[in-house]
Amino acid sequence: DWRELFNQLPNVPVGYSRQRAFSNMTLRQVIELADEMDEPPLRLTEKSCTDYAIQINSLLNWAAKEEILTKNAAKGLAPPRARLGGAR
């Protein structure tokens, strides 16, 4: 679900895919584990969330143009503003 992904972007830990603590987990599991940590990791900034949204939309627009998909299901979606207080 694209809406859920975009809504969760501000909760994604920075560099989670390179950290062993998060290996072999779904994104939802990564966010839950990060929330439970004594010292929660930094999260994606608002700019990073926006950059990811642009990249995702570009890919889906291309796929729709090439008729791989019938339409861009994420068209018009944007991530919410990052958490207050910066990247944490």
N, C-alpha and C. Protein backbone atom coordinates (compact mmCIF):
# COMPACT_ATOMS: atom_id res chain seq x y z
N ASP A 1 0.84 -1.17 0.00
CA ASP A 1 0.00 0.00 0.00
C ASP A 1 0.90 1.25 0.00
N TRP A 2 0.84 2.00 -1.07
CA TRP A 2 1.71 3.16 -1.22
C TRP A 2 1.44 4.23 -0.16
N ARG A 3 0.18 4.43 0.18
CA ARG A 3 -0.14 5.45 1.19
C ARG A 3 0.52 5.11 2.53
N GLU A 4 0.44 3.85 2.92
CA GLU A 4 1.07 3.43 4.18
C GLU A 4 2.59 3.62 4.14
N LEU A 5 3.21 3.24 3.01
CA LEU A 5 4.65 3.42 2.87
C LEU A 5 5.02 4.89 3.02
N PHE A 6 4.34 5.76 2.30
CA PHE A 6 4.65 7.19 2.36
C PHE A 6 4.42 7.73 3.78
N ASN A 7 3.38 7.27 4.45
CA ASN A 7 3.11 7.73 5.82
C ASN A 7 4.17 7.27 6.81
N GLN A 8 4.81 6.15 6.54
CA GLN A 8 5.82 5.60 7.45
C GLN A 8 7.24 6.09 7.17
N LEU A 9 7.47 6.74 6.05
CA LEU A 9 8.82 7.18 5.71
C LEU A 9 9.51 7.97 6.83
N PRO A 10 8.83 8.91 7.51
CA PRO A 10 9.52 9.66 8.58
C PRO A 10 9.94 8.80 9.77
N ASN A 11 9.41 7.59 9.86
CA ASN A 11 9.72 6.69 10.97
C ASN A 11 10.88 5.74 10.66
N VAL A 12 11.34 5.72 9.42
CA VAL A 12 12.38 4.79 8.99
C VAL A 12 13.73 5.23 9.55
N PRO A 13 14.44 4.33 10.23
CA PRO A 13 15.78 4.66 10.73
C PRO A 13 16.77 4.89 9.59
N VAL A 14 17.61 5.87 9.75
CA VAL A 14 18.64 6.17 8.77
C VAL A 14 19.59 4.97 8.65
N GLY A 15 19.85 4.52 7.43
CA GLY A 15 20.81 3.44 7.19
C GLY A 15 20.41 2.09 7.75
N TYR A 16 19.11 1.85 7.94
CA TYR A 16 18.69 0.59 8.58
C TYR A 16 19.13 -0.65 7.81
N SER A 17 19.23 -0.55 6.50
CA SER A 17 19.57 -1.74 5.71
C SER A 17 21.03 -2.17 5.91
N ARG A 18 21.85 -1.31 6.48
CA ARG A 18 23.26 -1.64 6.73
C ARG A 18 23.51 -2.05 8.19
N GLN A 19 22.46 -2.13 8.98
CA GLN A 19 22.62 -2.46 10.40
C GLN A 19 22.13 -3.89 10.67
N ARG A 20 22.98 -4.66 11.31
CA ARG A 20 22.64 -6.06 11.59
C ARG A 20 21.38 -6.21 12.45
N ALA A 21 21.16 -5.28 13.33
CA ALA A 21 19.99 -5.37 14.21
C ALA A 21 18.68 -5.44 13.42
N PHE A 22 18.70 -4.92 12.20
CA PHE A 22 17.49 -4.87 11.39
C PHE A 22 17.49 -5.86 10.22
N SER A 23 18.47 -6.75 10.17
CA SER A 23 18.55 -7.65 9.02
C SER A 23 17.37 -8.63 8.98
N ASN A 24 16.96 -8.96 7.78
CA ASN A 24 15.87 -9.92 7.53
C ASN A 24 14.54 -9.51 8.15
N MET A 25 14.29 -8.21 8.24
CA MET A 25 13.03 -7.71 8.80
C MET A 25 12.26 -6.93 7.73
N THR A 26 10.95 -6.92 7.88
CA THR A 26 10.15 -6.05 7.03
C THR A 26 10.33 -4.62 7.52
N LEU A 27 9.95 -3.66 6.70
CA LEU A 27 10.06 -2.26 7.10
C LEU A 27 9.22 -1.98 8.35
N ARG A 28 8.07 -2.58 8.44
CA ARG A 28 7.20 -2.40 9.62
C ARG A 28 7.90 -2.92 10.87
N GLN A 29 8.56 -4.08 10.77
CA GLN A 29 9.30 -4.64 11.91
C GLN A 29 10.48 -3.76 12.29
N VAL A 30 11.17 -3.21 11.29
CA VAL A 30 12.30 -2.31 11.55
C VAL A 30 11.84 -1.11 12.36
N ILE A 31 10.74 -0.50 11.96
CA ILE A 31 10.23 0.68 12.65
C ILE A 31 9.82 0.33 14.08
N GLU A 32 9.15 -0.80 14.25
CA GLU A 32 8.73 -1.22 15.59
C GLU A 32 9.93 -1.46 16.50
N LEU A 33 10.95 -2.15 16.00
CA LEU A 33 12.15 -2.41 16.80
C LEU A 33 12.86 -1.10 17.14
N ALA A 34 12.96 -0.21 16.18
CA ALA A 34 13.62 1.09 16.41
C ALA A 34 12.88 1.88 17.49
N ASP A 35 11.55 1.82 17.48
CA ASP A 35 10.75 2.53 18.50
C ASP A 35 10.98 1.97 19.90
N GLU A 36 11.31 0.68 20.00
CA GLU A 36 11.50 0.02 21.28
C GLU A 36 12.91 0.15 21.85
N MET A 37 13.86 0.61 21.05
CA MET A 37 15.25 0.70 21.49
C MET A 37 15.42 1.75 22.58
N ASP A 38 16.34 1.47 23.52
CA ASP A 38 16.63 2.43 24.59
C ASP A 38 17.09 3.77 24.03
N GLU A 39 17.94 3.69 23.02
CA GLU A 39 18.39 4.90 22.32
C GLU A 39 17.95 4.77 20.86
N PRO A 40 16.76 5.28 20.55
CA PRO A 40 16.25 5.14 19.18
C PRO A 40 17.20 5.75 18.16
N PRO A 41 17.33 5.10 17.00
CA PRO A 41 18.22 5.62 15.96
C PRO A 41 17.63 6.88 15.31
N LEU A 42 18.50 7.61 14.61
CA LEU A 42 18.03 8.76 13.85
C LEU A 42 17.04 8.29 12.79
N ARG A 43 16.10 9.12 12.46
CA ARG A 43 15.10 8.79 11.43
C ARG A 43 15.34 9.65 10.20
N LEU A 44 14.70 9.27 9.10
CA LEU A 44 14.84 10.02 7.86
C LEU A 44 14.35 11.46 8.05
N THR A 45 15.07 12.38 7.45
CA THR A 45 14.66 13.79 7.51
C THR A 45 13.51 14.03 6.54
N GLU A 46 12.88 15.17 6.68
CA GLU A 46 11.80 15.54 5.77
C GLU A 46 12.29 15.57 4.32
N LYS A 47 13.50 16.10 4.11
CA LYS A 47 14.06 16.15 2.76
C LYS A 47 14.28 14.75 2.21
N SER A 48 14.83 13.85 3.01
CA SER A 48 15.05 12.48 2.55
C SER A 48 13.73 11.80 2.20
N CYS A 49 12.71 12.00 3.02
CA CYS A 49 11.39 11.43 2.74
C CYS A 49 10.86 11.94 1.41
N THR A 50 10.99 13.24 1.19
CA THR A 50 10.54 13.84 -0.07
C THR A 50 11.33 13.28 -1.24
N ASP A 51 12.64 13.14 -1.09
CA ASP A 51 13.47 12.58 -2.16
C ASP A 51 13.05 11.15 -2.50
N TYR A 52 12.78 10.33 -1.49
CA TYR A 52 12.32 8.96 -1.74
C TYR A 52 10.98 8.97 -2.46
N ALA A 53 10.08 9.84 -2.04
CA ALA A 53 8.76 9.92 -2.68
C ALA A 53 8.89 10.31 -4.15
N ILE A 54 9.78 11.24 -4.45
CA ILE A 54 10.01 11.64 -5.85
C ILE A 54 10.54 10.46 -6.66
N GLN A 55 11.50 9.74 -6.08
CA GLN A 55 12.08 8.58 -6.79
C GLN A 55 11.04 7.49 -7.03
N ILE A 56 10.23 7.22 -6.03
CA ILE A 56 9.19 6.20 -6.17
C ILE A 56 8.20 6.61 -7.25
N ASN A 57 7.76 7.87 -7.21
CA ASN A 57 6.81 8.35 -8.21
C ASN A 57 7.40 8.33 -9.61
N SER A 58 8.68 8.66 -9.74
CA SER A 58 9.33 8.62 -11.05
C SER A 58 9.33 7.21 -11.61
N LEU A 59 9.66 6.25 -10.77
CA LEU A 59 9.67 4.85 -11.20
C LEU A 59 8.27 4.40 -11.61
N LEU A 60 7.27 4.73 -10.81
CA LEU A 60 5.90 4.31 -11.13
C LEU A 60 5.36 5.03 -12.36
N ASN A 61 5.72 6.31 -12.55
CA ASN A 61 5.32 7.02 -13.77
C ASN A 61 5.92 6.35 -15.00
N TRP A 62 7.21 5.98 -14.91
CA TRP A 62 7.86 5.29 -16.02
C TRP A 62 7.15 3.97 -16.31
N ALA A 63 6.86 3.20 -15.25
CA ALA A 63 6.20 1.90 -15.43
C ALA A 63 4.82 2.05 -16.07
N ALA A 64 4.10 3.10 -15.71
CA ALA A 64 2.79 3.35 -16.32
C ALA A 64 2.95 3.76 -17.78
N LYS A 65 3.94 4.60 -18.06
CA LYS A 65 4.19 5.05 -19.44
C LYS A 65 4.57 3.86 -20.33
N GLU A 66 5.34 2.94 -19.79
CA GLU A 66 5.75 1.75 -20.53
C GLU A 66 4.69 0.65 -20.52
N GLU A 67 3.55 0.93 -19.90
CA GLU A 67 2.42 0.00 -19.79
C GLU A 67 2.77 -1.26 -19.02
N ILE A 68 3.72 -1.15 -18.10
CA ILE A 68 4.03 -2.24 -17.18
C ILE A 68 2.97 -2.24 -16.08
N LEU A 69 2.55 -1.04 -15.69
CA LEU A 69 1.44 -0.83 -14.76
C LEU A 69 0.33 -0.08 -15.51
N THR A 70 -0.89 -0.24 -15.06
CA THR A 70 -1.99 0.49 -15.71
C THR A 70 -1.98 1.96 -15.31
N LYS A 71 -1.50 2.26 -14.09
CA LYS A 71 -1.40 3.66 -13.65
C LYS A 71 -0.44 3.74 -12.48
N ASN A 72 -0.04 4.96 -12.14
CA ASN A 72 0.80 5.21 -10.97
C ASN A 72 -0.12 5.30 -9.76
N ALA A 73 -0.15 4.25 -8.96
CA ALA A 73 -1.04 4.20 -7.80
C ALA A 73 -0.61 5.16 -6.69
N ALA A 74 0.59 5.68 -6.76
CA ALA A 74 1.09 6.61 -5.73
C ALA A 74 0.99 8.06 -6.19
N LYS A 75 0.40 8.30 -7.35
CA LYS A 75 0.30 9.67 -7.87
C LYS A 75 -0.45 10.56 -6.89
N GLY A 76 0.15 11.70 -6.58
CA GLY A 76 -0.47 12.65 -5.67
C GLY A 76 -0.18 12.41 -4.20
N LEU A 77 0.46 11.29 -3.88
CA LEU A 77 0.79 11.01 -2.48
C LEU A 77 2.10 11.69 -2.12
N ALA A 78 2.20 12.11 -0.89
CA ALA A 78 3.44 12.70 -0.37
C ALA A 78 3.61 12.25 1.06
N PRO A 79 4.85 12.13 1.51
CA PRO A 79 5.07 11.75 2.91
C PRO A 79 4.67 12.88 3.84
N PRO A 80 4.25 12.54 5.06
CA PRO A 80 3.95 13.60 6.03
C PRO A 80 5.24 14.31 6.42
N ARG A 81 5.10 15.44 7.05
CA ARG A 81 6.28 16.17 7.53
C ARG A 81 7.02 15.29 8.52
N ALA A 82 8.34 15.41 8.53
CA ALA A 82 9.18 14.63 9.45
C ALA A 82 8.80 14.97 10.89
N ARG A 83 9.15 14.09 11.77
CA ARG A 83 8.89 14.32 13.19
C ARG A 83 9.48 15.63 13.65
N LEU A 84 8.80 16.27 14.58
CA LEU A 84 9.30 17.52 15.12
C LEU A 84 10.62 17.26 15.84
N GLY A 85 11.50 18.21 15.81
CA GLY A 85 12.76 18.05 16.50
C GLY A 85 13.85 17.52 15.60
N GLY A 86 13.67 17.56 14.30
CA GLY A 86 14.73 17.14 13.40
C GLY A 86 14.59 15.70 12.97
N ALA A 87 15.74 15.05 12.79
CA ALA A 87 15.75 13.72 12.21
C ALA A 87 15.52 12.62 13.23
N ARG A 88 15.22 12.90 14.43
CA ARG A 88 15.02 11.87 15.43
C ARG A 88 13.60 11.45 15.51
